[in-house]
N, C-alpha and C. Protein backbone atom coordinates (compact mmCIF):
# COMPACT_ATOMS: atom_id res chain seq x y z
N UNK A 1 108.14 153.46 95.61
CA UNK A 1 108.81 152.27 96.13
C UNK A 1 109.86 152.71 97.15
N UNK A 2 109.84 152.08 98.33
CA UNK A 2 110.78 152.42 99.39
C UNK A 2 112.08 151.66 99.17
N UNK A 3 113.20 152.36 99.24
CA UNK A 3 114.51 151.71 99.09
C UNK A 3 115.17 151.60 100.46
N UNK A 4 115.99 150.57 100.62
CA UNK A 4 116.69 150.37 101.87
C UNK A 4 118.19 150.24 101.60
N UNK A 5 118.96 150.67 102.55
CA UNK A 5 120.41 150.64 102.41
C UNK A 5 120.94 149.37 103.09
N UNK A 6 121.89 148.69 102.41
CA UNK A 6 122.55 147.56 103.05
C UNK A 6 124.00 147.53 102.60
N UNK A 7 124.82 146.89 103.41
CA UNK A 7 126.25 146.86 103.13
C UNK A 7 126.67 145.45 102.74
N UNK A 8 127.59 145.37 101.77
CA UNK A 8 128.11 144.06 101.39
C UNK A 8 129.62 144.19 101.12
N UNK A 9 130.32 143.10 101.34
CA UNK A 9 131.77 143.08 101.11
C UNK A 9 132.07 141.98 100.10
N UNK A 10 132.92 142.27 99.11
CA UNK A 10 133.31 141.29 98.12
C UNK A 10 134.82 141.31 97.96
N UNK A 11 135.39 140.19 97.51
CA UNK A 11 136.84 140.13 97.39
C UNK A 11 137.32 140.91 96.16
N UNK A 12 138.61 141.11 96.06
CA UNK A 12 139.18 141.96 95.01
C UNK A 12 138.96 141.38 93.62
N UNK A 13 139.00 140.06 93.49
CA UNK A 13 138.79 139.44 92.17
C UNK A 13 137.38 139.70 91.67
N UNK A 14 136.39 139.53 92.55
CA UNK A 14 135.00 139.77 92.16
C UNK A 14 134.77 141.24 91.88
N UNK A 15 135.42 142.10 92.64
CA UNK A 15 135.29 143.54 92.42
C UNK A 15 135.86 143.91 91.06
N UNK A 16 136.95 143.30 90.68
CA UNK A 16 137.55 143.57 89.36
C UNK A 16 136.61 143.12 88.24
N UNK A 17 135.98 141.96 88.41
CA UNK A 17 135.03 141.48 87.40
C UNK A 17 133.83 142.40 87.31
N UNK A 18 133.39 142.93 88.47
CA UNK A 18 132.27 143.87 88.49
C UNK A 18 132.63 145.13 87.72
N UNK A 19 133.84 145.63 87.94
CA UNK A 19 134.28 146.84 87.24
C UNK A 19 134.37 146.61 85.73
N UNK A 20 134.84 145.44 85.33
CA UNK A 20 134.92 145.12 83.91
C UNK A 20 133.52 145.06 83.30
N UNK A 21 132.58 144.51 84.04
CA UNK A 21 131.22 144.41 83.51
C UNK A 21 130.58 145.79 83.34
N UNK A 22 130.71 146.64 84.37
CA UNK A 22 130.05 147.95 84.29
C UNK A 22 130.70 148.86 83.25
N UNK A 23 132.01 148.66 83.01
CA UNK A 23 132.69 149.45 81.99
C UNK A 23 132.24 149.05 80.59
N UNK A 24 131.67 147.86 80.48
CA UNK A 24 131.15 147.44 79.19
C UNK A 24 129.75 147.96 78.92
N UNK A 25 129.11 148.53 79.94
CA UNK A 25 127.79 149.14 79.77
C UNK A 25 127.93 150.52 79.15
N UNK A 26 126.93 150.92 78.39
CA UNK A 26 127.01 152.19 77.67
C UNK A 26 127.16 153.38 78.60
N UNK A 27 126.50 153.34 79.78
CA UNK A 27 126.53 154.50 80.67
C UNK A 27 127.51 154.34 81.82
N UNK A 28 128.31 153.26 81.81
CA UNK A 28 129.29 152.99 82.88
C UNK A 28 128.69 153.31 84.25
N UNK A 29 127.76 152.48 84.71
CA UNK A 29 127.09 152.76 85.98
C UNK A 29 128.04 152.66 87.17
N UNK A 30 127.64 153.23 88.28
CA UNK A 30 128.43 153.10 89.50
C UNK A 30 128.42 151.64 89.95
N UNK A 31 129.30 151.32 90.88
CA UNK A 31 129.34 149.95 91.37
C UNK A 31 128.01 149.54 91.99
N UNK A 32 127.40 150.45 92.76
CA UNK A 32 126.13 150.14 93.40
C UNK A 32 125.04 149.87 92.35
N UNK A 33 125.00 150.72 91.33
CA UNK A 33 124.01 150.55 90.27
C UNK A 33 124.27 149.27 89.49
N UNK A 34 125.55 148.95 89.27
CA UNK A 34 125.90 147.72 88.55
C UNK A 34 125.43 146.49 89.32
N UNK A 35 125.64 146.50 90.63
CA UNK A 35 125.17 145.39 91.47
C UNK A 35 123.67 145.27 91.40
N UNK A 36 122.96 146.40 91.47
CA UNK A 36 121.50 146.38 91.40
C UNK A 36 121.02 145.76 90.09
N UNK A 37 121.64 146.15 88.97
CA UNK A 37 121.25 145.62 87.67
C UNK A 37 121.50 144.11 87.58
N UNK A 38 122.63 143.69 88.11
CA UNK A 38 122.96 142.27 88.06
C UNK A 38 122.00 141.45 88.93
N UNK A 39 121.61 142.00 90.07
CA UNK A 39 120.64 141.31 90.93
C UNK A 39 119.30 141.19 90.22
N UNK A 40 118.85 142.28 89.59
CA UNK A 40 117.57 142.24 88.88
C UNK A 40 117.61 141.22 87.75
N UNK A 41 118.73 141.16 87.03
CA UNK A 41 118.85 140.20 85.93
C UNK A 41 118.82 138.77 86.46
N UNK A 42 119.48 138.56 87.61
CA UNK A 42 119.50 137.22 88.19
C UNK A 42 118.16 136.77 88.71
N UNK A 43 117.35 137.73 89.17
CA UNK A 43 116.03 137.39 89.71
C UNK A 43 114.95 137.33 88.65
N UNK A 44 115.28 137.69 87.44
CA UNK A 44 114.27 137.73 86.36
C UNK A 44 114.04 136.34 85.81
N UNK A 45 113.20 135.57 86.47
CA UNK A 45 112.95 134.19 86.06
C UNK A 45 111.76 134.07 85.10
N UNK A 46 111.04 135.18 84.85
CA UNK A 46 109.93 135.11 83.91
C UNK A 46 110.48 134.96 82.50
N UNK A 47 109.62 134.56 81.59
CA UNK A 47 110.05 134.26 80.23
C UNK A 47 110.74 135.45 79.56
N UNK A 48 110.23 136.65 79.79
CA UNK A 48 110.79 137.80 79.10
C UNK A 48 112.11 138.26 79.71
N UNK A 49 112.38 137.82 80.96
CA UNK A 49 113.62 138.21 81.58
C UNK A 49 114.74 137.22 81.31
N UNK A 50 114.41 136.11 80.69
CA UNK A 50 115.38 135.06 80.49
C UNK A 50 115.90 135.10 79.05
N UNK A 51 117.21 135.06 78.89
CA UNK A 51 117.81 135.12 77.56
C UNK A 51 118.29 133.72 77.17
N UNK A 52 117.70 133.10 76.16
CA UNK A 52 118.16 131.78 75.71
C UNK A 52 119.61 131.85 75.23
N UNK A 53 120.32 130.75 75.39
CA UNK A 53 121.71 130.70 74.95
C UNK A 53 121.85 129.67 73.84
N UNK A 54 122.50 130.07 72.76
CA UNK A 54 122.77 129.16 71.65
C UNK A 54 124.28 129.11 71.41
N UNK A 55 124.81 127.92 71.31
CA UNK A 55 126.23 127.78 70.99
C UNK A 55 126.45 128.12 69.52
N UNK A 56 127.68 128.31 69.13
CA UNK A 56 127.97 128.61 67.72
C UNK A 56 127.51 127.47 66.82
N UNK A 57 127.67 126.24 67.29
CA UNK A 57 127.21 125.10 66.49
C UNK A 57 125.71 125.09 66.33
N UNK A 58 124.99 125.41 67.40
CA UNK A 58 123.52 125.46 67.34
C UNK A 58 123.04 126.58 66.42
N UNK A 59 123.75 127.71 66.44
CA UNK A 59 123.39 128.80 65.53
C UNK A 59 123.54 128.36 64.08
N UNK A 60 124.65 127.71 63.77
CA UNK A 60 124.92 127.26 62.40
C UNK A 60 123.87 126.25 61.96
N UNK A 61 123.54 125.30 62.82
CA UNK A 61 122.53 124.29 62.49
C UNK A 61 121.17 124.95 62.25
N UNK A 62 120.80 125.90 63.12
CA UNK A 62 119.51 126.57 62.98
C UNK A 62 119.42 127.34 61.66
N UNK A 63 120.49 128.05 61.32
CA UNK A 63 120.50 128.82 60.07
C UNK A 63 120.44 127.90 58.86
N UNK A 64 121.22 126.83 58.88
CA UNK A 64 121.23 125.88 57.76
C UNK A 64 119.88 125.19 57.60
N UNK A 65 119.26 124.81 58.71
CA UNK A 65 117.93 124.19 58.65
C UNK A 65 116.91 125.18 58.10
N UNK A 66 117.04 126.44 58.51
CA UNK A 66 116.13 127.46 57.99
C UNK A 66 116.27 127.61 56.49
N UNK A 67 117.51 127.65 56.00
CA UNK A 67 117.73 127.75 54.55
C UNK A 67 117.15 126.53 53.83
N UNK A 68 117.33 125.36 54.42
CA UNK A 68 116.83 124.13 53.80
C UNK A 68 115.30 124.11 53.76
N UNK A 69 114.68 124.55 54.85
CA UNK A 69 113.21 124.59 54.90
C UNK A 69 112.67 125.53 53.84
N UNK A 70 113.30 126.70 53.69
CA UNK A 70 112.83 127.66 52.69
C UNK A 70 113.09 127.15 51.28
N UNK A 71 114.20 126.48 51.07
CA UNK A 71 114.54 125.96 49.75
C UNK A 71 113.55 124.88 49.31
N UNK A 72 113.16 124.02 50.27
CA UNK A 72 112.24 122.93 49.96
C UNK A 72 110.77 123.35 50.08
N UNK A 73 110.55 124.59 50.50
CA UNK A 73 109.20 125.12 50.66
C UNK A 73 108.36 124.24 51.60
N UNK A 74 108.98 123.88 52.71
CA UNK A 74 108.30 123.04 53.70
C UNK A 74 107.44 123.91 54.61
N UNK A 75 106.19 123.48 54.84
CA UNK A 75 105.30 124.22 55.73
C UNK A 75 105.68 123.92 57.18
N UNK A 76 105.81 124.95 57.98
CA UNK A 76 106.16 124.78 59.38
C UNK A 76 105.52 125.89 60.20
N UNK A 77 105.20 125.58 61.46
CA UNK A 77 104.61 126.58 62.33
C UNK A 77 105.66 127.57 62.84
N UNK A 78 106.91 127.22 62.73
CA UNK A 78 107.99 128.10 63.18
C UNK A 78 108.27 129.17 62.14
N UNK A 79 108.39 130.40 62.59
CA UNK A 79 108.72 131.51 61.70
C UNK A 79 110.23 131.48 61.45
N UNK A 80 110.62 130.83 60.36
CA UNK A 80 112.03 130.62 60.05
C UNK A 80 112.77 131.93 59.86
N UNK A 81 112.17 132.87 59.15
CA UNK A 81 112.81 134.16 58.92
C UNK A 81 113.08 134.88 60.25
N UNK A 82 112.12 134.79 61.16
CA UNK A 82 112.28 135.43 62.47
C UNK A 82 113.46 134.83 63.23
N UNK A 83 113.55 133.50 63.24
CA UNK A 83 114.64 132.83 63.95
C UNK A 83 115.99 133.21 63.36
N UNK A 84 116.06 133.27 62.03
CA UNK A 84 117.33 133.63 61.40
C UNK A 84 117.71 135.09 61.70
N UNK A 85 116.73 135.97 61.73
CA UNK A 85 117.01 137.37 62.07
C UNK A 85 117.51 137.49 63.51
N UNK A 86 116.94 136.66 64.41
CA UNK A 86 117.38 136.65 65.80
C UNK A 86 118.86 136.27 65.87
N UNK A 87 119.23 135.23 65.13
CA UNK A 87 120.61 134.74 65.18
C UNK A 87 121.57 135.74 64.55
N UNK A 88 121.23 136.25 63.37
CA UNK A 88 122.12 137.20 62.70
C UNK A 88 122.27 138.50 63.48
N UNK A 89 121.19 138.91 64.15
CA UNK A 89 121.23 140.19 64.88
C UNK A 89 121.63 140.06 66.33
N UNK A 90 121.73 138.82 66.84
CA UNK A 90 122.07 138.64 68.24
C UNK A 90 120.93 138.98 69.20
N UNK A 91 119.69 138.94 68.69
CA UNK A 91 118.53 139.31 69.51
C UNK A 91 117.95 138.08 70.23
N UNK A 92 118.77 137.37 70.97
CA UNK A 92 118.34 136.09 71.53
C UNK A 92 117.22 136.24 72.56
N UNK A 93 117.13 137.40 73.19
CA UNK A 93 116.05 137.65 74.14
C UNK A 93 114.69 137.49 73.47
N UNK A 94 114.63 137.77 72.16
CA UNK A 94 113.35 137.73 71.44
C UNK A 94 112.78 136.32 71.37
N UNK A 95 113.64 135.31 71.42
CA UNK A 95 113.16 133.92 71.39
C UNK A 95 112.30 133.63 72.62
N UNK A 96 112.75 134.12 73.79
CA UNK A 96 111.99 133.92 75.02
C UNK A 96 110.66 134.67 75.00
N UNK A 97 110.63 135.79 74.28
CA UNK A 97 109.39 136.57 74.19
C UNK A 97 108.39 135.91 73.26
N UNK A 98 108.86 135.51 72.08
CA UNK A 98 107.95 135.06 71.03
C UNK A 98 107.74 133.55 70.99
N UNK A 99 108.62 132.77 71.62
CA UNK A 99 108.52 131.31 71.55
C UNK A 99 108.55 130.73 72.97
N UNK A 100 107.60 131.18 73.79
CA UNK A 100 107.57 130.80 75.20
C UNK A 100 107.31 129.31 75.39
N UNK A 101 106.68 128.69 74.42
CA UNK A 101 106.42 127.26 74.52
C UNK A 101 107.69 126.43 74.49
N UNK A 102 108.76 126.99 73.91
CA UNK A 102 110.05 126.30 73.83
C UNK A 102 111.01 126.85 74.87
N UNK A 103 111.14 128.16 74.93
CA UNK A 103 112.12 128.79 75.80
C UNK A 103 111.47 129.24 77.11
N UNK A 104 110.91 128.30 77.85
CA UNK A 104 110.23 128.61 79.10
C UNK A 104 111.12 128.45 80.32
N UNK A 105 112.26 127.80 80.14
CA UNK A 105 113.23 127.69 81.23
C UNK A 105 112.89 126.65 82.29
N UNK A 106 111.82 125.88 82.08
CA UNK A 106 111.42 124.90 83.09
C UNK A 106 111.97 123.52 82.78
N UNK A 107 112.37 122.81 83.83
CA UNK A 107 112.75 121.40 83.71
C UNK A 107 112.30 120.69 84.98
N UNK A 108 111.64 119.56 84.83
CA UNK A 108 111.16 118.82 85.99
C UNK A 108 112.33 118.42 86.88
N UNK A 109 112.17 118.60 88.18
CA UNK A 109 113.18 118.17 89.13
C UNK A 109 113.08 116.65 89.30
N UNK A 110 114.23 115.98 89.26
CA UNK A 110 114.25 114.52 89.37
C UNK A 110 113.68 114.04 90.70
N UNK A 111 113.88 114.81 91.76
CA UNK A 111 113.33 114.41 93.05
C UNK A 111 111.81 114.41 93.01
N UNK A 112 111.22 115.34 92.27
CA UNK A 112 109.76 115.39 92.16
C UNK A 112 109.24 114.28 91.26
N UNK A 113 109.99 113.96 90.22
CA UNK A 113 109.60 112.85 89.36
C UNK A 113 109.58 111.56 90.17
N UNK A 114 110.61 111.35 90.97
CA UNK A 114 110.70 110.15 91.81
C UNK A 114 109.54 110.09 92.80
N UNK A 115 109.22 111.24 93.39
CA UNK A 115 108.13 111.31 94.36
C UNK A 115 106.80 110.96 93.70
N UNK A 116 106.54 111.53 92.53
CA UNK A 116 105.29 111.26 91.82
C UNK A 116 105.18 109.79 91.44
N UNK A 117 106.27 109.21 90.96
CA UNK A 117 106.27 107.79 90.60
C UNK A 117 105.96 106.94 91.83
N UNK A 118 106.56 107.27 92.95
CA UNK A 118 106.31 106.50 94.18
C UNK A 118 104.86 106.63 94.62
N UNK A 119 104.30 107.83 94.51
CA UNK A 119 102.91 108.06 94.89
C UNK A 119 101.97 107.26 93.98
N UNK A 120 102.20 107.31 92.68
CA UNK A 120 101.36 106.56 91.75
C UNK A 120 101.46 105.06 91.99
N UNK A 121 102.66 104.60 92.29
CA UNK A 121 102.86 103.19 92.57
C UNK A 121 102.10 102.78 93.83
N UNK A 122 102.21 103.60 94.86
CA UNK A 122 101.51 103.31 96.12
C UNK A 122 100.00 103.25 95.92
N UNK A 123 99.45 104.23 95.22
CA UNK A 123 98.01 104.25 95.02
C UNK A 123 97.55 103.12 94.10
N UNK A 124 98.40 102.69 93.19
CA UNK A 124 98.06 101.54 92.35
C UNK A 124 97.86 100.30 93.21
N UNK A 125 98.80 100.08 94.14
CA UNK A 125 98.68 98.94 95.06
C UNK A 125 97.45 99.09 95.94
N UNK A 126 97.19 100.31 96.41
CA UNK A 126 96.06 100.55 97.30
C UNK A 126 94.73 100.27 96.60
N UNK A 127 94.57 100.78 95.40
CA UNK A 127 93.31 100.59 94.69
C UNK A 127 93.10 99.13 94.31
N UNK A 128 94.16 98.50 93.83
CA UNK A 128 94.04 97.09 93.44
C UNK A 128 93.68 96.22 94.64
N UNK A 129 94.30 96.48 95.78
CA UNK A 129 94.01 95.71 96.98
C UNK A 129 92.57 95.96 97.45
N UNK A 130 92.13 97.21 97.38
CA UNK A 130 90.78 97.56 97.82
C UNK A 130 89.72 96.81 97.00
N UNK A 131 89.95 96.72 95.70
CA UNK A 131 88.99 96.04 94.82
C UNK A 131 88.84 94.56 95.16
N UNK A 132 89.88 93.97 95.76
CA UNK A 132 89.86 92.54 96.06
C UNK A 132 89.41 92.24 97.49
N UNK A 133 89.20 93.27 98.29
CA UNK A 133 88.79 93.05 99.67
C UNK A 133 87.38 92.49 99.74
N UNK A 134 87.14 91.67 100.76
CA UNK A 134 85.79 91.19 101.01
C UNK A 134 84.95 92.32 101.59
N UNK A 135 83.66 92.10 101.65
CA UNK A 135 82.75 93.10 102.19
C UNK A 135 83.11 93.42 103.64
N UNK A 136 83.45 92.40 104.41
CA UNK A 136 83.80 92.60 105.82
C UNK A 136 85.10 93.39 105.95
N UNK A 137 86.09 93.06 105.10
CA UNK A 137 87.37 93.78 105.16
C UNK A 137 87.21 95.24 104.75
N UNK A 138 86.34 95.50 103.78
CA UNK A 138 86.09 96.89 103.39
C UNK A 138 85.45 97.66 104.54
N UNK A 139 84.57 97.01 105.26
CA UNK A 139 83.94 97.66 106.41
C UNK A 139 84.97 97.91 107.50
N UNK A 140 85.88 96.97 107.69
CA UNK A 140 86.94 97.13 108.67
C UNK A 140 87.86 98.28 108.29
N UNK A 141 88.23 98.36 107.02
CA UNK A 141 89.10 99.43 106.54
C UNK A 141 88.43 100.79 106.73
N UNK A 142 87.14 100.86 106.42
CA UNK A 142 86.40 102.11 106.56
C UNK A 142 86.37 102.56 108.02
N UNK A 143 86.27 101.60 108.92
CA UNK A 143 86.19 101.93 110.35
C UNK A 143 87.56 102.28 110.93
N UNK A 144 88.58 101.47 110.62
CA UNK A 144 89.88 101.64 111.25
C UNK A 144 90.74 102.70 110.57
N UNK A 145 90.42 103.08 109.34
CA UNK A 145 91.16 104.12 108.62
C UNK A 145 90.23 105.27 108.25
N UNK A 146 89.27 105.52 109.10
CA UNK A 146 88.32 106.61 108.87
C UNK A 146 89.04 107.96 108.85
N UNK A 147 88.76 108.85 107.91
CA UNK A 147 87.71 108.78 106.87
C UNK A 147 88.22 108.29 105.51
N UNK A 148 89.52 107.94 105.43
CA UNK A 148 90.13 107.68 104.12
C UNK A 148 89.82 106.29 103.58
N UNK A 149 89.45 105.36 104.44
CA UNK A 149 89.27 103.99 104.01
C UNK A 149 87.91 103.66 103.42
N UNK A 150 87.03 104.64 103.38
CA UNK A 150 85.68 104.36 102.87
C UNK A 150 85.65 104.23 101.35
N UNK A 151 86.40 105.06 100.67
CA UNK A 151 86.41 105.04 99.20
C UNK A 151 87.85 105.22 98.76
N UNK A 152 88.52 104.15 98.40
CA UNK A 152 89.95 104.19 98.09
C UNK A 152 90.14 104.47 96.60
N UNK A 153 90.48 105.70 96.28
CA UNK A 153 90.75 106.10 94.90
C UNK A 153 91.72 107.26 94.92
N UNK A 154 92.76 107.17 94.08
CA UNK A 154 93.80 108.20 94.02
C UNK A 154 93.17 109.55 93.65
N UNK A 155 93.27 110.56 94.53
CA UNK A 155 92.66 111.85 94.26
C UNK A 155 93.46 112.76 93.34
N UNK A 156 94.75 112.46 93.13
CA UNK A 156 95.57 113.30 92.27
C UNK A 156 96.40 114.29 93.06
N UNK A 157 96.82 115.37 92.37
CA UNK A 157 97.60 116.44 92.99
C UNK A 157 96.85 117.76 92.81
N UNK A 158 97.15 118.72 93.65
CA UNK A 158 96.47 120.01 93.61
C UNK A 158 96.93 120.83 92.40
N UNK A 159 96.00 121.16 91.52
CA UNK A 159 96.34 121.91 90.31
C UNK A 159 96.82 123.31 90.59
N UNK A 160 96.46 123.88 91.73
CA UNK A 160 96.87 125.25 92.04
C UNK A 160 98.25 125.31 92.70
N UNK A 161 98.49 124.44 93.66
CA UNK A 161 99.72 124.51 94.44
C UNK A 161 100.72 123.41 94.14
N UNK A 162 100.32 122.40 93.38
CA UNK A 162 101.20 121.27 93.08
C UNK A 162 101.20 120.99 91.58
N UNK A 163 101.23 122.07 90.80
CA UNK A 163 101.06 121.96 89.36
C UNK A 163 102.17 121.14 88.70
N UNK A 164 103.42 121.25 89.21
CA UNK A 164 104.50 120.47 88.60
C UNK A 164 104.28 118.98 88.84
N UNK A 165 103.87 118.62 90.05
CA UNK A 165 103.59 117.22 90.35
C UNK A 165 102.43 116.71 89.49
N UNK A 166 101.40 117.54 89.35
CA UNK A 166 100.25 117.16 88.52
C UNK A 166 100.67 116.98 87.07
N UNK A 167 101.50 117.89 86.57
CA UNK A 167 101.96 117.80 85.19
C UNK A 167 102.79 116.55 84.94
N UNK A 168 103.65 116.21 85.90
CA UNK A 168 104.46 114.99 85.78
C UNK A 168 103.56 113.76 85.75
N UNK A 169 102.57 113.73 86.65
CA UNK A 169 101.66 112.59 86.72
C UNK A 169 100.89 112.43 85.42
N UNK A 170 100.36 113.51 84.91
CA UNK A 170 99.60 113.44 83.66
C UNK A 170 100.48 113.00 82.50
N UNK A 171 101.72 113.47 82.47
CA UNK A 171 102.63 113.09 81.38
C UNK A 171 102.94 111.59 81.46
N UNK A 172 103.20 111.09 82.65
CA UNK A 172 103.46 109.67 82.83
C UNK A 172 102.28 108.82 82.38
N UNK A 173 101.09 109.26 82.75
CA UNK A 173 99.88 108.47 82.48
C UNK A 173 99.40 108.63 81.05
N UNK A 174 99.32 109.86 80.58
CA UNK A 174 98.69 110.13 79.28
C UNK A 174 99.65 110.05 78.10
N UNK A 175 100.92 110.40 78.31
CA UNK A 175 101.86 110.44 77.19
C UNK A 175 102.86 109.30 77.19
N UNK A 176 103.18 108.76 78.37
CA UNK A 176 104.15 107.67 78.45
C UNK A 176 103.47 106.32 78.66
N UNK A 177 102.14 106.34 78.77
CA UNK A 177 101.37 105.10 78.90
C UNK A 177 101.79 104.29 80.11
N UNK A 178 102.07 104.97 81.20
CA UNK A 178 102.39 104.30 82.46
C UNK A 178 101.20 104.42 83.41
N UNK A 179 101.12 103.52 84.36
CA UNK A 179 100.06 103.54 85.37
C UNK A 179 98.69 103.64 84.70
N UNK A 180 98.41 102.70 83.80
CA UNK A 180 97.19 102.73 83.01
C UNK A 180 95.92 102.69 83.84
N UNK A 181 96.01 102.20 85.05
CA UNK A 181 94.84 102.17 85.92
C UNK A 181 94.21 103.55 86.03
N UNK A 182 95.02 104.58 86.12
CA UNK A 182 94.51 105.93 86.30
C UNK A 182 94.07 106.55 84.98
N UNK A 183 94.61 106.07 83.87
CA UNK A 183 94.22 106.61 82.58
C UNK A 183 92.87 106.04 82.13
N UNK A 184 92.66 104.77 82.32
CA UNK A 184 91.46 104.11 81.85
C UNK A 184 90.19 104.69 82.46
N UNK A 185 90.31 105.25 83.63
CA UNK A 185 89.14 105.77 84.32
C UNK A 185 88.87 107.24 83.97
N UNK A 186 89.66 107.79 83.07
CA UNK A 186 89.42 109.16 82.60
C UNK A 186 89.33 110.15 83.77
N UNK A 187 90.26 110.03 84.69
CA UNK A 187 90.20 110.89 85.86
C UNK A 187 90.80 112.26 85.58
N UNK A 188 90.35 113.23 86.33
CA UNK A 188 90.88 114.59 86.19
C UNK A 188 92.27 114.69 86.81
N UNK A 189 92.51 113.93 87.89
CA UNK A 189 93.78 113.91 88.61
C UNK A 189 94.09 115.21 89.34
N UNK A 190 93.11 116.11 89.40
CA UNK A 190 93.27 117.36 90.15
C UNK A 190 92.52 117.21 91.47
N UNK A 191 93.27 117.13 92.55
CA UNK A 191 92.65 116.91 93.86
C UNK A 191 91.92 118.13 94.39
N UNK A 192 92.32 119.32 93.91
CA UNK A 192 91.75 120.60 94.36
C UNK A 192 92.02 120.85 95.84
N UNK A 193 92.99 120.17 96.39
CA UNK A 193 93.43 120.43 97.76
C UNK A 193 94.85 119.90 97.91
N UNK A 194 95.66 120.48 98.81
CA UNK A 194 97.05 120.06 98.97
C UNK A 194 97.16 118.58 99.36
N UNK A 195 98.16 117.89 98.81
CA UNK A 195 98.30 116.46 99.06
C UNK A 195 99.71 116.04 99.46
N UNK A 196 100.71 116.86 99.18
CA UNK A 196 102.10 116.41 99.29
C UNK A 196 102.46 115.95 100.69
N UNK A 197 102.04 116.67 101.70
CA UNK A 197 102.40 116.29 103.06
C UNK A 197 101.80 114.94 103.43
N UNK A 198 100.52 114.75 103.12
CA UNK A 198 99.86 113.49 103.48
C UNK A 198 100.43 112.32 102.68
N UNK A 199 100.73 112.54 101.38
CA UNK A 199 101.34 111.48 100.58
C UNK A 199 102.72 111.10 101.12
N UNK A 200 103.46 112.12 101.55
CA UNK A 200 104.78 111.85 102.10
C UNK A 200 104.71 110.98 103.34
N UNK A 201 103.74 111.24 104.20
CA UNK A 201 103.57 110.44 105.41
C UNK A 201 103.15 109.01 105.06
N UNK A 202 102.25 108.88 104.09
CA UNK A 202 101.82 107.55 103.66
C UNK A 202 102.98 106.76 103.06
N UNK A 203 103.82 107.43 102.28
CA UNK A 203 104.95 106.76 101.65
C UNK A 203 105.95 106.23 102.67
N UNK A 204 106.11 106.95 103.77
CA UNK A 204 107.05 106.49 104.79
C UNK A 204 106.61 105.16 105.39
N UNK A 205 105.31 104.92 105.40
CA UNK A 205 104.79 103.63 105.88
C UNK A 205 104.84 102.59 104.76
N UNK A 206 104.54 103.04 103.55
CA UNK A 206 104.45 102.13 102.41
C UNK A 206 105.80 101.58 101.96
N UNK A 207 106.85 102.40 102.01
CA UNK A 207 108.15 102.02 101.46
C UNK A 207 108.67 100.69 102.00
N UNK A 208 108.72 100.48 103.32
CA UNK A 208 109.21 99.18 103.79
C UNK A 208 108.29 98.02 103.42
N UNK A 209 107.00 98.30 103.29
CA UNK A 209 106.05 97.26 102.90
C UNK A 209 106.24 96.87 101.45
N UNK A 210 106.52 97.87 100.60
CA UNK A 210 106.64 97.62 99.16
C UNK A 210 107.70 96.55 98.86
N UNK A 211 108.74 96.53 99.65
CA UNK A 211 109.81 95.57 99.43
C UNK A 211 109.34 94.12 99.60
N UNK A 212 108.22 93.95 100.28
CA UNK A 212 107.70 92.59 100.53
C UNK A 212 106.56 92.21 99.58
N UNK A 213 106.19 93.13 98.68
CA UNK A 213 105.01 92.91 97.83
C UNK A 213 105.36 92.18 96.53
N UNK A 214 106.11 91.10 96.63
CA UNK A 214 106.45 90.30 95.46
C UNK A 214 105.48 89.13 95.39
N UNK A 215 104.63 89.15 94.38
CA UNK A 215 103.66 88.08 94.21
C UNK A 215 102.44 88.18 95.10
N UNK A 216 102.25 89.32 95.75
CA UNK A 216 101.06 89.49 96.60
C UNK A 216 100.64 90.94 96.61
N UNK A 217 99.46 91.19 97.13
CA UNK A 217 98.96 92.55 97.26
C UNK A 217 98.96 92.99 98.70
N UNK A 218 98.53 94.19 98.93
CA UNK A 218 98.45 94.72 100.28
C UNK A 218 97.35 94.03 101.08
N UNK A 219 97.61 93.81 102.35
CA UNK A 219 96.59 93.27 103.24
C UNK A 219 95.78 94.43 103.81
N UNK A 220 94.64 94.13 104.38
CA UNK A 220 93.81 95.18 104.96
C UNK A 220 94.54 95.84 106.13
N UNK A 221 95.33 95.05 106.88
CA UNK A 221 96.10 95.62 107.99
C UNK A 221 97.13 96.64 107.48
N UNK A 222 97.78 96.31 106.37
CA UNK A 222 98.78 97.22 105.80
C UNK A 222 98.12 98.47 105.24
N UNK A 223 96.96 98.33 104.66
CA UNK A 223 96.25 99.51 104.14
C UNK A 223 95.84 100.43 105.28
N UNK A 224 95.39 99.86 106.37
CA UNK A 224 95.04 100.67 107.54
C UNK A 224 96.26 101.44 108.03
N UNK A 225 97.40 100.75 108.10
CA UNK A 225 98.63 101.38 108.58
C UNK A 225 99.06 102.52 107.65
N UNK A 226 98.94 102.31 106.34
CA UNK A 226 99.35 103.34 105.38
C UNK A 226 98.45 104.57 105.50
N UNK A 227 97.15 104.36 105.53
CA UNK A 227 96.23 105.49 105.66
C UNK A 227 96.45 106.23 106.98
N UNK A 228 96.59 105.50 108.05
CA UNK A 228 96.76 106.14 109.35
C UNK A 228 98.12 106.79 109.51
N UNK A 229 99.02 106.49 108.59
CA UNK A 229 100.31 107.18 108.60
C UNK A 229 100.14 108.68 108.39
N UNK A 230 99.02 109.07 107.84
CA UNK A 230 98.76 110.48 107.60
C UNK A 230 98.60 111.25 108.91
N UNK A 231 98.34 110.53 109.97
CA UNK A 231 98.13 111.17 111.28
C UNK A 231 99.46 111.46 111.98
N UNK A 232 100.55 110.91 111.44
CA UNK A 232 101.85 111.10 112.10
C UNK A 232 102.24 112.57 112.11
N UNK A 233 102.89 112.99 113.17
CA UNK A 233 103.29 114.40 113.29
C UNK A 233 104.66 114.61 112.63
């Protein structure tokens, strides 16, 4: 591995904190080595590099619940003895290693949740309007919004590159019982191709229209405009 040299400047307060940290290490590393270790720890976003944090109250509750479970001989998939040993020994890193389903460090971003909800809402209006179009209007949509207007059905999100968006959509539909239109059809919801840019362009056209959709559906002209919004640069 090739190493490169770089220079950095820090204020005296931060330098003092750095010295206190490295002096607490068993080998009292140099300042440069201490910075390297701290950078590596900060960049370790994988499950095994992340150390779960438990407050004193959470530790007490976990230990007491463990004692109660063992006393009542309750069957559980959680290894109670292991969790208690982690707490008593301070081996909190082990939780991230052995219980990745819980200590994965992921949380959905609210901006992405909002985006997914808006996309699902838009496609709900689009599909419902398409089903009500006359034969002539469907032909017009297919011609004026080619190639997207021929078969109007929400394709989903890309499972490879948009997995968080796909996960949010599936949770909303399958676990929260929202947007039932997409659940009833037993769709995969995996588009197998990137969608975020095109959905974003469509939403910019749809948003001002949505405010007027009280007691009515989309017109064929509005659907054409939304689909053709994908062509915007």
